[in-house]
PDB file of N, CA and C in Angstrom:
ATOM      1  N   UNK A   1      31.599 -10.713  33.711  1.00  0.00           N
ATOM      2  CA  UNK A   1      30.177 -10.164  33.683  1.00  0.00           C
ATOM      3  C   UNK A   1      30.084  -9.066  32.825  1.00  0.00           C
ATOM      4  N   UNK A   2      30.894  -8.372  32.489  1.00  0.00           N
ATOM      5  CA  UNK A   2      30.959  -7.191  31.564  1.00  0.00           C
ATOM      6  C   UNK A   2      30.477  -7.647  30.393  1.00  0.00           C
ATOM      7  N   UNK A   3      31.301  -8.703  29.739  1.00  0.00           N
ATOM      8  CA  UNK A   3      30.894  -9.073  28.365  1.00  0.00           C
ATOM      9  C   UNK A   3      29.338  -9.593  28.275  1.00  0.00           C
ATOM     10  N   UNK A   4      28.761 -10.302  29.298  1.00  0.00           N
ATOM     11  CA  UNK A   4      27.321 -10.676  29.391  1.00  0.00           C
ATOM     12  C   UNK A   4      26.573  -9.502  29.179  1.00  0.00           C
ATOM     13  N   UNK A   5      26.691  -8.454  29.872  1.00  0.00           N
ATOM     14  CA  UNK A   5      25.928  -7.430  29.993  1.00  0.00           C
ATOM     15  C   UNK A   5      25.881  -6.607  28.435  1.00  0.00           C
ATOM     16  N   UNK A   6      27.071  -6.533  27.818  1.00  0.00           N
ATOM     17  CA  UNK A   6      27.399  -6.047  26.546  1.00  0.00           C
ATOM     18  C   UNK A   6      26.561  -6.970  25.416  1.00  0.00           C
ATOM     19  N   UNK A   7      26.507  -7.975  25.592  1.00  0.00           N
ATOM     20  CA  UNK A   7      25.827  -9.063  24.692  1.00  0.00           C
ATOM     21  C   UNK A   7      24.314  -8.858  24.808  1.00  0.00           C
ATOM     22  N   UNK A   8      23.949  -8.756  26.039  1.00  0.00           N
ATOM     23  CA  UNK A   8      22.475  -8.640  26.433  1.00  0.00           C
ATOM     24  C   UNK A   8      21.824  -7.167  25.792  1.00  0.00           C
ATOM     25  N   UNK A   9      22.790  -6.193  25.973  1.00  0.00           N
ATOM     26  CA  UNK A   9      22.500  -4.974  25.545  1.00  0.00           C
ATOM     27  C   UNK A   9      22.455  -4.911  24.096  1.00  0.00           C
ATOM     28  N   UNK A  10      23.309  -5.491  23.346  1.00  0.00           N
ATOM     29  CA  UNK A  10      23.335  -5.761  21.891  1.00  0.00           C
ATOM     30  C   UNK A  10      22.079  -6.328  21.422  1.00  0.00           C
ATOM     31  N   UNK A  11      21.757  -7.436  21.947  1.00  0.00           N
ATOM     32  CA  UNK A  11      20.528  -8.459  21.695  1.00  0.00           C
ATOM     33  C   UNK A  11      19.323  -7.567  21.964  1.00  0.00           C
ATOM     34  N   UNK A  12      19.365  -6.735  22.811  1.00  0.00           N
ATOM     35  CA  UNK A  12      18.058  -5.876  23.216  1.00  0.00           C
ATOM     36  C   UNK A  12      17.896  -4.784  22.141  1.00  0.00           C
ATOM     37  N   UNK A  13      18.911  -4.176  21.771  1.00  0.00           N
ATOM     38  CA  UNK A  13      19.098  -3.231  20.811  1.00  0.00           C
ATOM     39  C   UNK A  13      18.587  -3.769  19.363  1.00  0.00           C
ATOM     40  N   UNK A  14      18.944  -4.806  19.046  1.00  0.00           N
ATOM     41  CA  UNK A  14      18.830  -5.485  18.038  1.00  0.00           C
ATOM     42  C   UNK A  14      17.270  -5.792  17.829  1.00  0.00           C
ATOM     43  N   UNK A  15      16.791  -6.309  18.784  1.00  0.00           N
ATOM     44  CA  UNK A  15      15.301  -6.691  18.761  1.00  0.00           C
ATOM     45  C   UNK A  15      14.483  -5.494  18.784  1.00  0.00           C
ATOM     46  N   UNK A  16      14.867  -4.328  19.272  1.00  0.00           N
ATOM     47  CA  UNK A  16      14.131  -3.116  19.245  1.00  0.00           C
ATOM     48  C   UNK A  16      14.060  -2.537  17.626  1.00  0.00           C
ATOM     49  N   UNK A  17      15.240  -2.715  17.026  1.00  0.00           N
ATOM     50  CA  UNK A  17      15.513  -2.266  15.717  1.00  0.00           C
ATOM     51  C   UNK A  17      14.646  -3.142  14.695  1.00  0.00           C
ATOM     52  N   UNK A  18      14.468  -4.426  15.024  1.00  0.00           N
ATOM     53  CA  UNK A  18      13.779  -5.156  14.195  1.00  0.00           C
ATOM     54  C   UNK A  18      12.427  -5.102  14.472  1.00  0.00           C
ATOM     55  N   UNK A  19      11.898  -4.885  15.592  1.00  0.00           N
ATOM     56  CA  UNK A  19      10.419  -4.644  15.879  1.00  0.00           C
ATOM     57  C   UNK A  19       9.988  -3.183  15.430  1.00  0.00           C
ATOM     58  N   UNK A  20      10.704  -2.369  15.292  1.00  0.00           N
ATOM     59  CA  UNK A  20      10.319  -0.868  15.096  1.00  0.00           C
ATOM     60  C   UNK A  20       9.517  -0.749  13.663  1.00  0.00           C
ATOM     61  N   UNK A  21      10.022  -1.379  12.658  1.00  0.00           N
ATOM     62  CA  UNK A  21       9.156  -1.187  11.268  1.00  0.00           C
ATOM     63  C   UNK A  21       7.884  -1.967  11.606  1.00  0.00           C
ATOM     64  N   UNK A  22       7.771  -3.045  12.147  1.00  0.00           N
ATOM     65  CA  UNK A  22       6.614  -3.894  12.343  1.00  0.00           C
ATOM     66  C   UNK A  22       5.285  -2.910  13.156  1.00  0.00           C
ATOM     67  N   UNK A  23       6.045  -2.377  14.222  1.00  0.00           N
ATOM     68  CA  UNK A  23       5.063  -1.415  14.957  1.00  0.00           C
ATOM     69  C   UNK A  23       4.687  -0.346  14.080  1.00  0.00           C
ATOM     70  N   UNK A  24       5.602   0.262  13.398  1.00  0.00           N
ATOM     71  CA  UNK A  24       5.463   1.512  12.731  1.00  0.00           C
ATOM     72  C   UNK A  24       4.242   1.290  11.713  1.00  0.00           C
ATOM     73  N   UNK A  25       4.356   0.157  10.995  1.00  0.00           N
ATOM     74  CA  UNK A  25       3.425  -0.261   9.874  1.00  0.00           C
ATOM     75  C   UNK A  25       1.987  -0.592  10.425  1.00  0.00           C
ATOM     76  N   UNK A  26       1.792  -0.961  11.691  1.00  0.00           N
ATOM     77  CA  UNK A  26       0.481  -1.160  12.165  1.00  0.00           C
ATOM     78  C   UNK A  26      -0.239   0.133  12.576  1.00  0.00           C
ATOM     79  N   UNK A  27       0.644   1.205  12.859  1.00  0.00           N
ATOM     80  CA  UNK A  27       0.035   2.489  13.276  1.00  0.00           C
ATOM     81  C   UNK A  27      -0.533   3.350  12.069  1.00  0.00           C
ATOM     82  N   UNK A  28      -0.303   3.010  10.879  1.00  0.00           N
ATOM     83  CA  UNK A  28      -0.827   3.856   9.874  1.00  0.00           C
ATOM     84  C   UNK A  28      -2.219   3.265   9.595  1.00  0.00           C
ATOM     85  N   UNK A  29      -3.187   4.124   9.538  1.00  0.00           N
ATOM     86  CA  UNK A  29      -4.720   3.914   9.412  1.00  0.00           C
ATOM     87  C   UNK A  29      -4.790   3.278   7.920  1.00  0.00           C
ATOM     88  N   UNK A  30      -5.603   2.173   7.881  1.00  0.00           N
ATOM     89  CA  UNK A  30      -6.107   1.634   6.615  1.00  0.00           C
ATOM     90  C   UNK A  30      -6.883   2.334   5.881  1.00  0.00           C
ATOM     91  N   UNK A  31      -6.961   2.175   4.543  1.00  0.00           N
ATOM     92  CA  UNK A  31      -8.035   3.056   3.720  1.00  0.00           C
ATOM     93  C   UNK A  31      -9.337   1.957   3.890  1.00  0.00           C
ATOM     94  N   UNK A  32     -10.497   2.848   4.009  1.00  0.00           N
ATOM     95  CA  UNK A  32     -11.714   2.100   3.940  1.00  0.00           C
ATOM     96  C   UNK A  32     -12.218   1.707   2.732  1.00  0.00           C
ATOM     97  N   UNK A  33     -12.354   0.536   2.569  1.00  0.00           N
ATOM     98  CA  UNK A  33     -12.642  -0.190   1.275  1.00  0.00           C
ATOM     99  C   UNK A  33     -14.112  -0.787   1.194  1.00  0.00           C
ATOM    100  N   UNK A  34     -14.899   0.171   1.741  1.00  0.00           N
ATOM    101  CA  UNK A  34     -16.212  -0.130   1.731  1.00  0.00           C
ATOM    102  C   UNK A  34     -17.020   0.121   0.354  1.00  0.00           C
ATOM    103  N   UNK A  35     -16.366   1.084  -0.229  1.00  0.00           N
ATOM    104  CA  UNK A  35     -16.789   1.725  -1.594  1.00  0.00           C
ATOM    105  C   UNK A  35     -16.307   0.880  -2.461  1.00  0.00           C
ATOM    106  N   UNK A  36     -16.822   0.943  -3.826  1.00  0.00           N
ATOM    107  CA  UNK A  36     -16.471   0.020  -4.923  1.00  0.00           C
ATOM    108  C   UNK A  36     -15.128   0.518  -5.612  1.00  0.00           C
ATOM    109  N   UNK A  37     -15.090   1.783  -5.609  1.00  0.00           N
ATOM    110  CA  UNK A  37     -14.071   2.459  -6.259  1.00  0.00           C
ATOM    111  C   UNK A  37     -13.344   3.546  -5.469  1.00  0.00           C
ATOM    112  N   UNK A  38     -12.071   3.574  -5.209  1.00  0.00           N
ATOM    113  CA  UNK A  38     -11.422   4.554  -4.402  1.00  0.00           C
ATOM    114  C   UNK A  38     -10.244   5.307  -5.302  1.00  0.00           C
ATOM    115  N   UNK A  39     -10.286   6.607  -5.183  1.00  0.00           N
ATOM    116  CA  UNK A  39      -9.289   7.346  -5.768  1.00  0.00           C
ATOM    117  C   UNK A  39      -8.155   7.789  -4.780  1.00  0.00           C
ATOM    118  N   UNK A  40      -6.941   7.247  -5.038  1.00  0.00           N
ATOM    119  CA  UNK A  40      -5.864   7.584  -4.052  1.00  0.00           C
ATOM    120  C   UNK A  40      -4.607   8.080  -4.669  1.00  0.00           C
ATOM    121  N   UNK A  41      -3.670   8.518  -3.985  1.00  0.00           N
ATOM    122  CA  UNK A  41      -2.430   9.001  -4.571  1.00  0.00           C
ATOM    123  C   UNK A  41      -1.562   8.017  -4.786  1.00  0.00           C
ATOM    124  N   UNK A  42      -0.951   7.863  -5.969  1.00  0.00           N
ATOM    125  CA  UNK A  42      -0.013   6.732  -6.250  1.00  0.00           C
ATOM    126  C   UNK A  42       1.377   7.101  -5.574  1.00  0.00           C
ATOM    127  N   UNK A  43       2.444   6.141  -5.918  1.00  0.00           N
ATOM    128  CA  UNK A  43       3.677   6.367  -5.438  1.00  0.00           C
ATOM    129  C   UNK A  43       4.419   7.605  -5.813  1.00  0.00           C
ATOM    130  N   UNK A  44       3.962   8.277  -6.987  1.00  0.00           N
ATOM    131  CA  UNK A  44       4.673   9.310  -7.521  1.00  0.00           C
ATOM    132  C   UNK A  44       3.844  10.506  -7.519  1.00  0.00           C
ATOM    133  N   UNK A  45       2.673  10.432  -6.680  1.00  0.00           N
ATOM    134  CA  UNK A  45       1.680  11.608  -6.474  1.00  0.00           C
ATOM    135  C   UNK A  45       0.565  11.847  -7.531  1.00  0.00           C
ATOM    136  N   UNK A  46       0.439  10.736  -8.364  1.00  0.00           N
ATOM    137  CA  UNK A  46      -0.411  10.736  -9.483  1.00  0.00           C
ATOM    138  C   UNK A  46      -1.653  10.242  -8.905  1.00  0.00           C
ATOM    139  N   UNK A  47      -2.982  10.518  -9.368  1.00  0.00           N
ATOM    140  CA  UNK A  47      -4.104  10.056  -8.833  1.00  0.00           C
ATOM    141  C   UNK A  47      -4.145   8.483  -9.579  1.00  0.00           C
ATOM    142  N   UNK A  48      -4.586   7.545  -8.635  1.00  0.00           N
ATOM    143  CA  UNK A  48      -5.008   6.197  -9.270  1.00  0.00           C
ATOM    144  C   UNK A  48      -6.313   5.771  -8.635  1.00  0.00           C
ATOM    145  N   UNK A  49      -7.081   4.981  -9.353  1.00  0.00           N
ATOM    146  CA  UNK A  49      -8.302   4.424  -9.177  1.00  0.00           C
ATOM    147  C   UNK A  49      -8.292   3.016  -8.755  1.00  0.00           C
ATOM    148  N   UNK A  50      -8.681   2.549  -7.565  1.00  0.00           N
ATOM    149  CA  UNK A  50      -8.617   1.128  -7.158  1.00  0.00           C
ATOM    150  C   UNK A  50      -9.920   0.615  -6.985  1.00  0.00           C
ATOM    151  N   UNK A  51     -10.153  -0.668  -7.318  1.00  0.00           N
ATOM    152  CA  UNK A  51     -11.556  -1.384  -7.209  1.00  0.00           C
ATOM    153  C   UNK A  51     -11.376  -1.993  -5.992  1.00  0.00           C
ATOM    154  N   UNK A  52     -12.450  -2.237  -5.068  1.00  0.00           N
ATOM    155  CA  UNK A  52     -12.525  -3.006  -3.909  1.00  0.00           C
ATOM    156  C   UNK A  52     -13.502  -4.227  -4.272  1.00  0.00           C
ATOM    157  N   UNK A  53     -12.879  -5.223  -4.051  1.00  0.00           N
ATOM    158  CA  UNK A  53     -13.795  -6.477  -4.025  1.00  0.00           C
ATOM    159  C   UNK A  53     -13.702  -7.158  -2.673  1.00  0.00           C
ATOM    160  N   UNK A  54     -14.758  -7.462  -1.929  1.00  0.00           N
ATOM    161  CA  UNK A  54     -14.921  -8.074  -0.619  1.00  0.00           C
ATOM    162  C   UNK A  54     -14.165  -7.392   0.338  1.00  0.00           C
ATOM    163  N   UNK A  55     -14.125  -6.055   0.280  1.00  0.00           N
ATOM    164  CA  UNK A  55     -13.576  -5.325   1.256  1.00  0.00           C
ATOM    165  C   UNK A  55     -11.914  -5.165   1.252  1.00  0.00           C
ATOM    166  N   UNK A  56     -11.398  -5.687   0.263  1.00  0.00           N
ATOM    167  CA  UNK A  56      -9.807  -5.273  -0.044  1.00  0.00           C
ATOM    168  C   UNK A  56      -9.636  -4.730  -1.425  1.00  0.00           C
ATOM    169  N   UNK A  57      -8.463  -3.968  -1.373  1.00  0.00           N
ATOM    170  CA  UNK A  57      -8.199  -3.581  -2.667  1.00  0.00           C
ATOM    171  C   UNK A  57      -7.732  -4.692  -3.841  1.00  0.00           C
ATOM    172  N   UNK A  58      -8.396  -4.698  -4.997  1.00  0.00           N
ATOM    173  CA  UNK A  58      -8.131  -5.833  -5.844  1.00  0.00           C
ATOM    174  C   UNK A  58      -7.217  -5.386  -7.138  1.00  0.00           C
ATOM    175  N   UNK A  59      -7.663  -4.198  -7.746  1.00  0.00           N
ATOM    176  CA  UNK A  59      -7.020  -3.760  -8.952  1.00  0.00           C
ATOM    177  C   UNK A  59      -6.985  -2.278  -9.001  1.00  0.00           C
ATOM    178  N   UNK A  60      -5.738  -1.658  -9.257  1.00  0.00           N
ATOM    179  CA  UNK A  60      -5.573  -0.110  -9.361  1.00  0.00           C
ATOM    180  C   UNK A  60      -5.169   0.247 -10.656  1.00  0.00           C
ATOM    181  N   UNK A  61      -5.728   1.165 -11.178  1.00  0.00           N
ATOM    182  CA  UNK A  61      -5.469   1.633 -12.709  1.00  0.00           C
ATOM    183  C   UNK A  61      -5.360   3.359 -12.628  1.00  0.00           C
ATOM    184  N   UNK A  62      -4.777   3.759 -13.647  1.00  0.00           N
ATOM    185  CA  UNK A  62      -4.595   5.226 -13.682  1.00  0.00           C
ATOM    186  C   UNK A  62      -5.835   5.609 -14.557  1.00  0.00           C
ATOM    187  N   UNK A  63      -6.647   6.806 -14.023  1.00  0.00           N
ATOM    188  CA  UNK A  63      -7.793   7.144 -14.591  1.00  0.00           C
ATOM    189  C   UNK A  63      -7.632   7.649 -16.000  1.00  0.00           C
ATOM    190  N   UNK A  64      -8.537   7.604 -16.803  1.00  0.00           N
ATOM    191  CA  UNK A  64      -8.330   8.138 -18.378  1.00  0.00           C
ATOM    192  C   UNK A  64      -8.575   9.542 -18.190  1.00  0.00           C
ATOM    193  N   UNK A  65      -7.841  10.425 -18.965  1.00  0.00           N
ATOM    194  CA  UNK A  65      -8.073  11.697 -19.067  1.00  0.00           C
ATOM    195  C   UNK A  65      -9.092  12.245 -19.956  1.00  0.00           C
TER     196      UNK A  65
END
């Protein structure tokens, strides 16, 4: 009976570990893409401008200085 309990515990822990990133990703608020151009922070902290088409981000560019 002990090996079955260990296997079930391991499977439960694995399921929680695999589900955590999916749940965490859905808790982040999405950017409102109602405007045509959004200015957001890039991956390195720089400002980038993104164009919205049909309510979704389509193209992102660095703004000209």
